[in-house]
């Protein structure tokens, strides 16, 4: 029974990660429609989803995608330029 509970917890965690990345994709798609070429998109991120979020923004066609660290050294900021 304990193993079942830990597996369902893992599935719920994966779902939350997927939901957060879906939200980033939606915001990047909106920004792609609304930003002028050369416009800059900034995000504050959950440190555990920074890499997946950067990949999602790149997939939307943004360039110069950068992850930056906060004062505690955690990847918490994303900067990207619309082509």
C-alpha atoms as a PDB file:
ATOM      1  CA  UNK A   1       0.000   0.000   0.000  1.00  0.00           C
ATOM      2  CA  UNK A   2       2.827   2.408   0.825  1.00  0.00           C
ATOM      3  CA  UNK A   3       4.345   1.858  -2.623  1.00  0.00           C
ATOM      4  CA  UNK A   4       1.000   2.689  -4.268  1.00  0.00           C
ATOM      5  CA  UNK A   5       0.775   5.965  -2.333  1.00  0.00           C
ATOM      6  CA  UNK A   6       4.296   6.990  -3.315  1.00  0.00           C
ATOM      7  CA  UNK A   7       3.596   6.201  -6.985  1.00  0.00           C
ATOM      8  CA  UNK A   8       0.412   8.265  -7.009  1.00  0.00           C
ATOM      9  CA  UNK A   9       2.325  11.135  -5.381  1.00  0.00           C
ATOM     10  CA  UNK A  10       4.950  10.900  -8.137  1.00  0.00           C
ATOM     11  CA  UNK A  11       2.211  11.006 -10.785  1.00  0.00           C
ATOM     12  CA  UNK A  12       0.666  14.076  -9.172  1.00  0.00           C
ATOM     13  CA  UNK A  13       4.074  15.805  -9.099  1.00  0.00           C
ATOM     14  CA  UNK A  14       4.642  15.092 -12.791  1.00  0.00           C
ATOM     15  CA  UNK A  15       1.206  16.475 -13.544  1.00  0.00           C
ATOM     16  CA  UNK A  16       1.989  19.743 -11.714  1.00  0.00           C
ATOM     17  CA  UNK A  17       5.265  20.097 -13.625  1.00  0.00           C
ATOM     18  CA  UNK A  18       3.389  19.557 -16.872  1.00  0.00           C
ATOM     19  CA  UNK A  19       0.759  22.118 -15.884  1.00  0.00           C
ATOM     20  CA  UNK A  20       3.413  24.723 -15.101  1.00  0.00           C
ATOM     21  CA  UNK A  21       5.188  24.163 -18.400  1.00  0.00           C
ATOM     22  CA  UNK A  22       1.820  24.351 -20.217  1.00  0.00           C
ATOM     23  CA  UNK A  23       1.249  27.723 -18.578  1.00  0.00           C
ATOM     24  CA  UNK A  24       4.673  28.937 -19.756  1.00  0.00           C
ATOM     25  CA  UNK A  25       3.874  27.732 -23.294  1.00  0.00           C
ATOM     26  CA  UNK A  26       0.569  29.604 -23.268  1.00  0.00           C
ATOM     27  CA  UNK A  27       2.165  32.832 -22.045  1.00  0.00           C
ATOM     28  CA  UNK A  28       4.983  32.534 -24.609  1.00  0.00           C
ATOM     29  CA  UNK A  29       2.444  31.971 -27.407  1.00  0.00           C
ATOM     30  CA  UNK A  30       0.513  35.058 -26.278  1.00  0.00           C
ATOM     31  CA  UNK A  31       3.731  37.102 -26.073  1.00  0.00           C
ATOM     32  CA  UNK A  32       4.730  35.965 -29.556  1.00  0.00           C
ATOM     33  CA  UNK A  33       1.462  37.398 -30.918  1.00  0.00           C
ATOM     34  CA  UNK A  34       1.606  40.637 -28.911  1.00  0.00           C
ATOM     35  CA  UNK A  35       5.291  41.587 -28.737  1.00  0.00           C
ATOM     36  CA  UNK A  36       6.894  43.488 -31.580  1.00  0.00           C
ATOM     37  CA  UNK A  37       9.936  41.882 -33.194  1.00  0.00           C
ATOM     38  CA  UNK A  38      12.859  42.464 -30.850  1.00  0.00           C
ATOM     39  CA  UNK A  39      10.537  42.704 -27.836  1.00  0.00           C
ATOM     40  CA  UNK A  40      11.719  41.081 -24.625  1.00  0.00           C
ATOM     41  CA  UNK A  41       9.838  38.553 -22.522  1.00  0.00           C
ATOM     42  CA  UNK A  42      10.673  38.113 -18.836  1.00  0.00           C
ATOM     43  CA  UNK A  43       9.490  35.350 -16.507  1.00  0.00           C
ATOM     44  CA  UNK A  44       9.970  34.581 -12.867  1.00  0.00           C
ATOM     45  CA  UNK A  45      10.180  30.803 -12.632  1.00  0.00           C
ATOM     46  CA  UNK A  46      10.016  27.956 -10.207  1.00  0.00           C
ATOM     47  CA  UNK A  47      13.642  26.851  -9.918  1.00  0.00           C
ATOM     48  CA  UNK A  48      12.697  23.201 -10.495  1.00  0.00           C
ATOM     49  CA  UNK A  49      11.059  23.953 -13.868  1.00  0.00           C
ATOM     50  CA  UNK A  50      13.519  26.478 -15.268  1.00  0.00           C
ATOM     51  CA  UNK A  51      15.114  24.227 -17.897  1.00  0.00           C
ATOM     52  CA  UNK A  52      11.773  22.875 -19.150  1.00  0.00           C
ATOM     53  CA  UNK A  53      10.377  26.417 -19.252  1.00  0.00           C
ATOM     54  CA  UNK A  54      13.363  27.654 -21.271  1.00  0.00           C
ATOM     55  CA  UNK A  55      12.904  24.802 -23.757  1.00  0.00           C
ATOM     56  CA  UNK A  56       9.193  25.656 -24.090  1.00  0.00           C
ATOM     57  CA  UNK A  57       9.976  29.318 -24.805  1.00  0.00           C
ATOM     58  CA  UNK A  58      12.629  28.351 -27.373  1.00  0.00           C
ATOM     59  CA  UNK A  59      10.110  26.040 -29.049  1.00  0.00           C
ATOM     60  CA  UNK A  60       7.780  29.041 -29.471  1.00  0.00           C
ATOM     61  CA  UNK A  61      10.468  30.681 -31.614  1.00  0.00           C
ATOM     62  CA  UNK A  62      12.065  33.059 -29.119  1.00  0.00           C
ATOM     63  CA  UNK A  63      15.797  33.732 -29.347  1.00  0.00           C
ATOM     64  CA  UNK A  64      18.491  34.602 -26.833  1.00  0.00           C
ATOM     65  CA  UNK A  65      16.703  32.601 -24.141  1.00  0.00           C
ATOM     66  CA  UNK A  66      18.648  33.054 -20.908  1.00  0.00           C
ATOM     67  CA  UNK A  67      18.133  31.645 -17.445  1.00  0.00           C
ATOM     68  CA  UNK A  68      19.399  33.807 -14.622  1.00  0.00           C
ATOM     69  CA  UNK A  69      19.995  33.113 -10.964  1.00  0.00           C
ATOM     70  CA  UNK A  70      18.433  34.940  -8.046  1.00  0.00           C
ATOM     71  CA  UNK A  71      20.368  36.207  -5.031  1.00  0.00           C
ATOM     72  CA  UNK A  72      20.366  32.677  -3.590  1.00  0.00           C
ATOM     73  CA  UNK A  73      21.942  31.199  -6.715  1.00  0.00           C
ATOM     74  CA  UNK A  74      18.756  29.487  -7.937  1.00  0.00           C
ATOM     75  CA  UNK A  75      17.569  29.635 -11.544  1.00  0.00           C
ATOM     76  CA  UNK A  76      14.506  31.844 -11.140  1.00  0.00           C
ATOM     77  CA  UNK A  77      14.433  34.234 -14.099  1.00  0.00           C
ATOM     78  CA  UNK A  78      14.051  33.781 -17.825  1.00  0.00           C
ATOM     79  CA  UNK A  79      14.720  36.385 -20.474  1.00  0.00           C
ATOM     80  CA  UNK A  80      13.985  35.886 -24.184  1.00  0.00           C
ATOM     81  CA  UNK A  81      13.758  38.037 -27.309  1.00  0.00           C
ATOM     82  CA  UNK A  82      11.028  37.755 -29.916  1.00  0.00           C
ATOM     83  CA  UNK A  83      12.373  37.332 -33.427  1.00  0.00           C
END
